[in-house]
Amino acid sequence: MSDTTDVDEVSGIAQELDDNGIGPVVLASVGSVMLALYYYYVKGDEQRGQFVGLWPSSILALATYIKLTEIKNVLDDHVSEDPHGSEDES
C-alpha cells in the first residue's frame, strides 16, 4: 500500500468514528480504563491502577467543557447578529 492510501484509510476510519460519536476523547477514556485495569490486576500495582482509573472522568469533563464553550460562543454570535433580538426603547 502507498502512503497516501494509508492516510486516506486512516482519515476515513477517523471520520466514521467521529460520525458515530466515538471520537478521540471517548477512545482516550476507554484506553485509560483498560490501562487502569492492566495496572491494577495484571501488574498488581493497585495505587497506580486507581490513579489511572481517575483519568476518564477528567478527560470527559474537559471535553464537555470545551464543547459547551464552543456552543456558547456560537449562540452568543447568533444572538449578536439577530436584529430582532434587542428590544427598541420607546
Protein backbone atom coordinates (compact mmCIF):
# COMPACT_ATOMS: atom_id res chain seq x y z
CA MET A 1 0.00 0.00 0.00
CA SER A 2 1.16 3.51 -0.67
CA ASP A 3 1.41 6.21 1.98
CA THR A 4 -1.46 8.23 0.51
CA THR A 5 -3.74 5.19 0.59
CA ASP A 6 -2.85 4.60 4.24
CA VAL A 7 -3.57 8.23 5.10
CA ASP A 8 -6.89 8.12 3.23
CA GLU A 9 -7.85 4.90 5.02
CA VAL A 10 -6.97 6.29 8.44
CA SER A 11 -8.83 9.53 7.68
CA GLY A 12 -11.88 7.52 6.61
CA ILE A 13 -11.82 5.45 9.79
CA ALA A 14 -11.39 8.59 11.94
CA GLN A 15 -14.30 10.29 10.18
CA GLU A 16 -16.50 7.20 10.61
CA LEU A 17 -15.68 7.01 14.32
CA ASP A 18 -16.39 10.71 14.76
CA ASP A 19 -19.70 10.39 12.91
CA ASN A 20 -20.73 7.60 15.28
CA GLY A 21 -19.91 9.73 18.32
CA ILE A 22 -16.80 7.72 19.16
CA GLY A 23 -14.22 10.44 18.90
CA PRO A 24 -10.70 10.60 20.27
CA VAL A 25 -11.97 11.66 23.70
CA VAL A 26 -14.03 8.50 24.13
CA LEU A 27 -11.19 6.36 22.81
CA ALA A 28 -8.77 8.00 25.26
CA SER A 29 -11.20 7.38 28.12
CA VAL A 30 -11.70 3.74 27.22
CA GLY A 31 -7.95 3.35 26.79
CA SER A 32 -7.27 4.75 30.24
CA VAL A 33 -9.84 2.41 31.78
CA MET A 34 -8.12 -0.52 30.10
CA LEU A 35 -4.72 0.75 31.27
CA ALA A 36 -6.05 1.12 34.82
CA LEU A 37 -7.35 -2.45 34.77
CA TYR A 38 -3.98 -3.64 33.45
CA TYR A 39 -2.06 -1.89 36.22
CA TYR A 40 -4.49 -2.97 38.92
CA TYR A 41 -4.97 -6.64 38.05
CA VAL A 42 -2.11 -7.71 35.79
CA LYS A 43 0.79 -5.74 37.24
CA GLY A 44 -0.63 -5.75 40.78
CA ASP A 45 0.09 -2.03 41.21
CA GLU A 46 -3.21 -1.07 42.85
CA GLN A 47 -2.28 2.54 43.59
CA ARG A 48 -1.24 3.27 40.01
CA GLY A 49 -4.34 1.46 38.72
CA GLN A 50 -6.57 3.64 40.87
CA PHE A 51 -4.73 6.79 39.80
CA VAL A 52 -5.04 5.99 36.10
CA GLY A 53 -8.67 4.99 36.71
CA LEU A 54 -9.43 8.61 37.64
CA TRP A 55 -8.37 9.89 34.22
CA PRO A 56 -11.52 9.07 32.18
CA SER A 57 -13.77 11.37 34.18
CA SER A 58 -11.24 14.20 33.89
CA ILE A 59 -10.83 13.65 30.14
CA LEU A 60 -14.59 13.59 29.56
CA ALA A 61 -15.17 16.61 31.80
CA LEU A 62 -12.56 18.66 29.93
CA ALA A 63 -14.01 17.65 26.56
CA THR A 64 -17.52 18.54 27.74
CA TYR A 65 -16.33 21.95 28.95
CA ILE A 66 -14.64 22.66 25.63
CA LYS A 67 -17.72 21.59 23.64
CA LEU A 68 -20.05 23.68 25.81
CA THR A 69 -17.77 26.70 25.39
CA GLU A 70 -17.92 26.25 21.61
CA ILE A 71 -21.73 26.03 21.73
CA LYS A 72 -21.94 29.13 23.94
CA ASN A 73 -19.75 31.09 21.53
CA VAL A 74 -21.93 30.07 18.57
CA LEU A 75 -25.08 31.06 20.44
CA ASP A 76 -23.55 34.39 21.51
CA ASP A 77 -22.59 35.11 17.90
CA HIS A 78 -26.09 34.20 16.72
CA VAL A 79 -27.77 36.43 19.30
CA SER A 80 -25.49 39.38 18.48
CA GLU A 81 -26.30 39.03 14.76
CA ASP A 82 -30.08 38.76 15.33
CA PRO A 83 -31.61 42.16 14.50
CA HIS A 84 -34.87 41.29 16.30
CA GLY A 85 -33.13 40.07 19.45
CA SER A 86 -32.82 43.51 21.04
CA GLU A 87 -35.86 45.47 22.13
CA ASP A 88 -36.28 49.06 20.99
CA GLU A 89 -36.82 51.56 23.75
CA SER A 90 -39.86 53.75 23.17
